[in-house]
Amino acid sequence: LPGIIPLISLPKLEREGLLPKEAIADLNLLRAHNSILFDFAVKRALNWQGKKLAPRIFASRRLFET
């Protein structure tokens, strides 16, 4: 639910090792201007023990091509 800001705590995600510390400031700026893009960027930045969501998940162009 990207529009509900209190649901996502960037400092907590960083403490849990899911977000790199250097991404927090940029994500906070993005959150203030575009909650949908913020949600997308957070999901792209999430990382657990070197594993990330596959880039293919974020590529939607193939869904609109015939």
PDB file of N, CA and C in Angstrom:
ATOM      1  N   LEU A   1       0.836  -1.179   0.000  1.00  0.00           N
ATOM      2  CA  LEU A   1       0.000   0.000   0.000  1.00  0.00           C
ATOM      3  C   LEU A   1       0.879   1.240   0.000  1.00  0.00           C
ATOM      4  N   PRO A   2       1.360   1.647  -1.157  1.00  0.00           N
ATOM      5  CA  PRO A   2       2.323   2.738  -1.227  1.00  0.00           C
ATOM      6  C   PRO A   2       1.804   4.088  -0.747  1.00  0.00           C
ATOM      7  N   GLY A   3       0.500   4.319  -0.794  1.00  0.00           N
ATOM      8  CA  GLY A   3      -0.032   5.611  -0.391  1.00  0.00           C
ATOM      9  C   GLY A   3      -0.130   5.801   1.114  1.00  0.00           C
ATOM     10  N   ILE A   4       0.063   4.748   1.877  1.00  0.00           N
ATOM     11  CA  ILE A   4      -0.033   4.832   3.337  1.00  0.00           C
ATOM     12  C   ILE A   4       1.387   4.854   3.896  1.00  0.00           C
ATOM     13  N   ILE A   5       1.904   6.053   4.045  1.00  0.00           N
ATOM     14  CA  ILE A   5       3.311   6.271   4.380  1.00  0.00           C
ATOM     15  C   ILE A   5       3.771   5.582   5.670  1.00  0.00           C
ATOM     16  N   PRO A   6       2.993   5.586   6.758  1.00  0.00           N
ATOM     17  CA  PRO A   6       3.504   4.964   7.990  1.00  0.00           C
ATOM     18  C   PRO A   6       3.708   3.446   7.914  1.00  0.00           C
ATOM     19  N   LEU A   7       3.198   2.801   6.881  1.00  0.00           N
ATOM     20  CA  LEU A   7       3.352   1.354   6.787  1.00  0.00           C
ATOM     21  C   LEU A   7       4.771   0.915   6.452  1.00  0.00           C
ATOM     22  N   ILE A   8       5.544   1.798   5.852  1.00  0.00           N
ATOM     23  CA  ILE A   8       6.913   1.443   5.443  1.00  0.00           C
ATOM     24  C   ILE A   8       7.908   2.303   6.212  1.00  0.00           C
ATOM     25  N   SER A   9       8.702   1.658   7.045  1.00  0.00           N
ATOM     26  CA  SER A   9       9.726   2.357   7.813  1.00  0.00           C
ATOM     27  C   SER A   9      11.089   2.085   7.176  1.00  0.00           C
ATOM     28  N   LEU A  10      11.627   3.085   6.505  1.00  0.00           N
ATOM     29  CA  LEU A  10      12.929   2.906   5.868  1.00  0.00           C
ATOM     30  C   LEU A  10      14.037   2.628   6.880  1.00  0.00           C
ATOM     31  N   PRO A  11      14.076   3.348   8.021  1.00  0.00           N
ATOM     32  CA  PRO A  11      15.114   3.028   9.001  1.00  0.00           C
ATOM     33  C   PRO A  11      15.023   1.585   9.515  1.00  0.00           C
ATOM     34  N   LYS A  12      13.804   1.087   9.683  1.00  0.00           N
ATOM     35  CA  LYS A  12      13.656  -0.299  10.146  1.00  0.00           C
ATOM     36  C   LYS A  12      14.141  -1.280   9.070  1.00  0.00           C
ATOM     37  N   LEU A  13      13.798  -1.024   7.821  1.00  0.00           N
ATOM     38  CA  LEU A  13      14.272  -1.889   6.738  1.00  0.00           C
ATOM     39  C   LEU A  13      15.802  -1.871   6.664  1.00  0.00           C
ATOM     40  N   GLU A  14      16.386  -0.705   6.912  1.00  0.00           N
ATOM     41  CA  GLU A  14      17.853  -0.594   6.908  1.00  0.00           C
ATOM     42  C   GLU A  14      18.447  -1.366   8.091  1.00  0.00           C
ATOM     43  N   ARG A  15      17.853  -1.216   9.265  1.00  0.00           N
ATOM     44  CA  ARG A  15      18.344  -1.940  10.458  1.00  0.00           C
ATOM     45  C   ARG A  15      18.249  -3.449  10.281  1.00  0.00           C
ATOM     46  N   GLU A  16      17.217  -3.901   9.582  1.00  0.00           N
ATOM     47  CA  GLU A  16      17.024  -5.335   9.358  1.00  0.00           C
ATOM     48  C   GLU A  16      17.927  -5.873   8.244  1.00  0.00           C
ATOM     49  N   GLY A  17      18.675  -4.978   7.621  1.00  0.00           N
ATOM     50  CA  GLY A  17      19.594  -5.404   6.566  1.00  0.00           C
ATOM     51  C   GLY A  17      18.931  -5.582   5.214  1.00  0.00           C
ATOM     52  N   LEU A  18      17.763  -4.983   5.023  1.00  0.00           N
ATOM     53  CA  LEU A  18      17.035  -5.141   3.761  1.00  0.00           C
ATOM     54  C   LEU A  18      17.257  -3.998   2.781  1.00  0.00           C
ATOM     55  N   LEU A  19      17.696  -2.853   3.290  1.00  0.00           N
ATOM     56  CA  LEU A  19      17.988  -1.702   2.432  1.00  0.00           C
ATOM     57  C   LEU A  19      19.380  -1.176   2.760  1.00  0.00           C
ATOM     58  N   PRO A  20      20.119  -0.756   1.740  1.00  0.00           N
ATOM     59  CA  PRO A  20      21.424  -0.146   2.018  1.00  0.00           C
ATOM     60  C   PRO A  20      21.236   1.245   2.624  1.00  0.00           C
ATOM     61  N   LYS A  21      22.080   1.578   3.575  1.00  0.00           N
ATOM     62  CA  LYS A  21      21.991   2.859   4.270  1.00  0.00           C
ATOM     63  C   LYS A  21      22.031   4.037   3.301  1.00  0.00           C
ATOM     64  N   GLU A  22      22.846   3.934   2.255  1.00  0.00           N
ATOM     65  CA  GLU A  22      22.992   5.048   1.318  1.00  0.00           C
ATOM     66  C   GLU A  22      21.738   5.289   0.472  1.00  0.00           C
ATOM     67  N   ALA A  23      20.785   4.377   0.471  1.00  0.00           N
ATOM     68  CA  ALA A  23      19.557   4.558  -0.313  1.00  0.00           C
ATOM     69  C   ALA A  23      18.471   5.323   0.446  1.00  0.00           C
ATOM     70  N   ILE A  24      18.586   5.411   1.748  1.00  0.00           N
ATOM     71  CA  ILE A  24      17.524   5.969   2.588  1.00  0.00           C
ATOM     72  C   ILE A  24      17.207   7.424   2.242  1.00  0.00           C
ATOM     73  N   ALA A  25      18.201   8.281   2.134  1.00  0.00           N
ATOM     74  CA  ALA A  25      17.955   9.710   1.861  1.00  0.00           C
ATOM     75  C   ALA A  25      17.225   9.902   0.535  1.00  0.00           C
ATOM     76  N   ASP A  26      17.673   9.228  -0.511  1.00  0.00           N
ATOM     77  CA  ASP A  26      17.023   9.359  -1.818  1.00  0.00           C
ATOM     78  C   ASP A  26      15.599   8.819  -1.786  1.00  0.00           C
ATOM     79  N   LEU A  27      15.399   7.710  -1.100  1.00  0.00           N
ATOM     80  CA  LEU A  27      14.049   7.146  -1.008  1.00  0.00           C
ATOM     81  C   LEU A  27      13.114   8.075  -0.241  1.00  0.00           C
ATOM     82  N   ASN A  28      13.612   8.728   0.797  1.00  0.00           N
ATOM     83  CA  ASN A  28      12.786   9.685   1.535  1.00  0.00           C
ATOM     84  C   ASN A  28      12.375  10.857   0.657  1.00  0.00           C
ATOM     85  N   LEU A  29      13.288  11.354  -0.167  1.00  0.00           N
ATOM     86  CA  LEU A  29      12.944  12.436  -1.091  1.00  0.00           C
ATOM     87  C   LEU A  29      11.890  11.988  -2.097  1.00  0.00           C
ATOM     88  N   LEU A  30      12.049  10.807  -2.603  1.00  0.00           N
ATOM     89  CA  LEU A  30      11.103  10.267  -3.565  1.00  0.00           C
ATOM     90  C   LEU A  30       9.734  10.077  -2.928  1.00  0.00           C
ATOM     91  N   ARG A  31       9.707   9.594  -1.703  1.00  0.00           N
ATOM     92  CA  ARG A  31       8.463   9.365  -0.978  1.00  0.00           C
ATOM     93  C   ARG A  31       7.641  10.649  -0.874  1.00  0.00           C
ATOM     94  N   ALA A  32       8.311  11.774  -0.665  1.00  0.00           N
ATOM     95  CA  ALA A  32       7.624  13.060  -0.505  1.00  0.00           C
ATOM     96  C   ALA A  32       6.958  13.539  -1.794  1.00  0.00           C
ATOM     97  N   HIS A  33       7.408  13.041  -2.939  1.00  0.00           N
ATOM     98  CA  HIS A  33       6.905  13.546  -4.215  1.00  0.00           C
ATOM     99  C   HIS A  33       6.053  12.562  -5.003  1.00  0.00           C
ATOM    100  N   ASN A  34       6.297  11.265  -4.854  1.00  0.00           N
ATOM    101  CA  ASN A  34       5.581  10.300  -5.684  1.00  0.00           C
ATOM    102  C   ASN A  34       5.549   8.945  -4.969  1.00  0.00           C
ATOM    103  N   SER A  35       4.436   8.657  -4.315  1.00  0.00           N
ATOM    104  CA  SER A  35       4.364   7.439  -3.499  1.00  0.00           C
ATOM    105  C   SER A  35       4.407   6.161  -4.330  1.00  0.00           C
ATOM    106  N   ILE A  36       3.892   6.195  -5.546  1.00  0.00           N
ATOM    107  CA  ILE A  36       3.930   4.992  -6.394  1.00  0.00           C
ATOM    108  C   ILE A  36       5.364   4.699  -6.850  1.00  0.00           C
ATOM    109  N   LEU A  37       6.061   5.739  -7.293  1.00  0.00           N
ATOM    110  CA  LEU A  37       7.449   5.558  -7.701  1.00  0.00           C
ATOM    111  C   LEU A  37       8.320   5.181  -6.504  1.00  0.00           C
ATOM    112  N   PHE A  38       8.011   5.737  -5.331  1.00  0.00           N
ATOM    113  CA  PHE A  38       8.716   5.370  -4.095  1.00  0.00           C
ATOM    114  C   PHE A  38       8.572   3.875  -3.839  1.00  0.00           C
ATOM    115  N   ASP A  39       7.365   3.356  -3.943  1.00  0.00           N
ATOM    116  CA  ASP A  39       7.108   1.935  -3.715  1.00  0.00           C
ATOM    117  C   ASP A  39       7.926   1.080  -4.690  1.00  0.00           C
ATOM    118  N   PHE A  40       7.931   1.487  -5.941  1.00  0.00           N
ATOM    119  CA  PHE A  40       8.701   0.789  -6.968  1.00  0.00           C
ATOM    120  C   PHE A  40      10.192   0.791  -6.629  1.00  0.00           C
ATOM    121  N   ALA A  41      10.710   1.956  -6.246  1.00  0.00           N
ATOM    122  CA  ALA A  41      12.139   2.088  -5.934  1.00  0.00           C
ATOM    123  C   ALA A  41      12.531   1.274  -4.704  1.00  0.00           C
ATOM    124  N   VAL A  42      11.675   1.251  -3.695  1.00  0.00           N
ATOM    125  CA  VAL A  42      11.962   0.446  -2.498  1.00  0.00           C
ATOM    126  C   VAL A  42      12.061  -1.025  -2.879  1.00  0.00           C
ATOM    127  N   LYS A  43      11.114  -1.484  -3.663  1.00  0.00           N
ATOM    128  CA  LYS A  43      11.133  -2.900  -4.062  1.00  0.00           C
ATOM    129  C   LYS A  43      12.355  -3.227  -4.906  1.00  0.00           C
ATOM    130  N   ARG A  44      12.804  -2.275  -5.730  1.00  0.00           N
ATOM    131  CA  ARG A  44      14.012  -2.510  -6.519  1.00  0.00           C
ATOM    132  C   ARG A  44      15.258  -2.546  -5.642  1.00  0.00           C
ATOM    133  N   ALA A  45      15.245  -1.788  -4.542  1.00  0.00           N
ATOM    134  CA  ALA A  45      16.425  -1.690  -3.674  1.00  0.00           C
ATOM    135  C   ALA A  45      16.480  -2.785  -2.611  1.00  0.00           C
ATOM    136  N   LEU A  46      15.359  -3.434  -2.317  1.00  0.00           N
ATOM    137  CA  LEU A  46      15.361  -4.476  -1.286  1.00  0.00           C
ATOM    138  C   LEU A  46      16.390  -5.551  -1.605  1.00  0.00           C
ATOM    139  N   ASN A  47      17.043  -6.033  -0.567  1.00  0.00           N
ATOM    140  CA  ASN A  47      18.140  -6.964  -0.746  1.00  0.00           C
ATOM    141  C   ASN A  47      18.260  -7.790   0.530  1.00  0.00           C
ATOM    142  N   TRP A  48      18.244  -9.100   0.411  1.00  0.00           N
ATOM    143  CA  TRP A  48      18.438  -9.952   1.576  1.00  0.00           C
ATOM    144  C   TRP A  48      19.578 -10.903   1.292  1.00  0.00           C
ATOM    145  N   GLN A  49      20.657 -10.731   2.013  1.00  0.00           N
ATOM    146  CA  GLN A  49      21.847 -11.576   1.889  1.00  0.00           C
ATOM    147  C   GLN A  49      22.300 -11.699   0.434  1.00  0.00           C
ATOM    148  N   GLY A  50      22.321 -10.554  -0.244  1.00  0.00           N
ATOM    149  CA  GLY A  50      22.779 -10.520  -1.627  1.00  0.00           C
ATOM    150  C   GLY A  50      21.736 -10.913  -2.658  1.00  0.00           C
ATOM    151  N   LYS A  51      20.547 -11.245  -2.225  1.00  0.00           N
ATOM    152  CA  LYS A  51      19.488 -11.643  -3.154  1.00  0.00           C
ATOM    153  C   LYS A  51      18.476 -10.514  -3.290  1.00  0.00           C
ATOM    154  N   LYS A  52      18.109 -10.235  -4.537  1.00  0.00           N
ATOM    155  CA  LYS A  52      17.152  -9.176  -4.842  1.00  0.00           C
ATOM    156  C   LYS A  52      16.011  -9.768  -5.657  1.00  0.00           C
ATOM    157  N   LEU A  53      14.937  -9.006  -5.783  1.00  0.00           N
ATOM    158  CA  LEU A  53      13.867  -9.409  -6.680  1.00  0.00           C
ATOM    159  C   LEU A  53      14.412  -9.372  -8.109  1.00  0.00           C
ATOM    160  N   ALA A  54      14.004 -10.312  -8.902  1.00  0.00           N
ATOM    161  CA  ALA A  54      14.499 -10.406 -10.271  1.00  0.00           C
ATOM    162  C   ALA A  54      14.095  -9.183 -11.086  1.00  0.00           C
ATOM    163  N   PRO A  55      15.010  -8.637 -11.890  1.00  0.00           N
ATOM    164  CA  PRO A  55      14.682  -7.472 -12.726  1.00  0.00           C
ATOM    165  C   PRO A  55      13.472  -7.718 -13.629  1.00  0.00           C
ATOM    166  N   ARG A  56      13.269  -8.955 -14.030  1.00  0.00           N
ATOM    167  CA  ARG A  56      12.145  -9.286 -14.925  1.00  0.00           C
ATOM    168  C   ARG A  56      10.794  -8.941 -14.295  1.00  0.00           C
ATOM    169  N   ILE A  57      10.723  -8.979 -12.970  1.00  0.00           N
ATOM    170  CA  ILE A  57       9.480  -8.642 -12.273  1.00  0.00           C
ATOM    171  C   ILE A  57       9.060  -7.212 -12.582  1.00  0.00           C
ATOM    172  N   PHE A  58      10.024  -6.337 -12.761  1.00  0.00           N
ATOM    173  CA  PHE A  58       9.750  -4.917 -12.948  1.00  0.00           C
ATOM    174  C   PHE A  58       9.593  -4.521 -14.415  1.00  0.00           C
ATOM    175  N   ALA A  59       9.821  -5.446 -15.305  1.00  0.00           N
ATOM    176  CA  ALA A  59       9.711  -5.161 -16.735  1.00  0.00           C
ATOM    177  C   ALA A  59       8.310  -5.538 -17.223  1.00  0.00           C
ATOM    178  N   SER A  60       7.481  -4.559 -17.463  1.00  0.00           N
ATOM    179  CA  SER A  60       6.093  -4.833 -17.838  1.00  0.00           C
ATOM    180  C   SER A  60       5.819  -4.661 -19.335  1.00  0.00           C
ATOM    181  N   ARG A  61       6.775  -4.165 -20.065  1.00  0.00           N
ATOM    182  CA  ARG A  61       6.543  -3.918 -21.489  1.00  0.00           C
ATOM    183  C   ARG A  61       6.037  -5.158 -22.211  1.00  0.00           C
ATOM    184  N   ARG A  62       6.582  -6.319 -21.859  1.00  0.00           N
ATOM    185  CA  ARG A  62       6.196  -7.561 -22.528  1.00  0.00           C
ATOM    186  C   ARG A  62       4.711  -7.860 -22.346  1.00  0.00           C
ATOM    187  N   LEU A  63       4.107  -7.353 -21.302  1.00  0.00           N
ATOM    188  CA  LEU A  63       2.688  -7.590 -21.068  1.00  0.00           C
ATOM    189  C   LEU A  63       1.788  -6.807 -22.015  1.00  0.00           C
ATOM    190  N   PHE A  64       2.323  -5.731 -22.589  1.00  0.00           N
ATOM    191  CA  PHE A  64       1.524  -4.874 -23.448  1.00  0.00           C
ATOM    192  C   PHE A  64       1.803  -5.061 -24.929  1.00  0.00           C
ATOM    193  N   GLU A  65       2.777  -5.881 -25.242  1.00  0.00           N
ATOM    194  CA  GLU A  65       3.099  -6.149 -26.638  1.00  0.00           C
ATOM    195  C   GLU A  65       2.292  -7.335 -27.133  1.00  0.00           C
ATOM    196  N   THR A  66       1.932  -7.308 -28.401  1.00  0.00           N
ATOM    197  CA  THR A  66       1.156  -8.417 -28.947  1.00  0.00           C
ATOM    198  C   THR A  66       2.007  -9.327 -29.759  1.00  0.00           C
TER     199      THR A  66
END
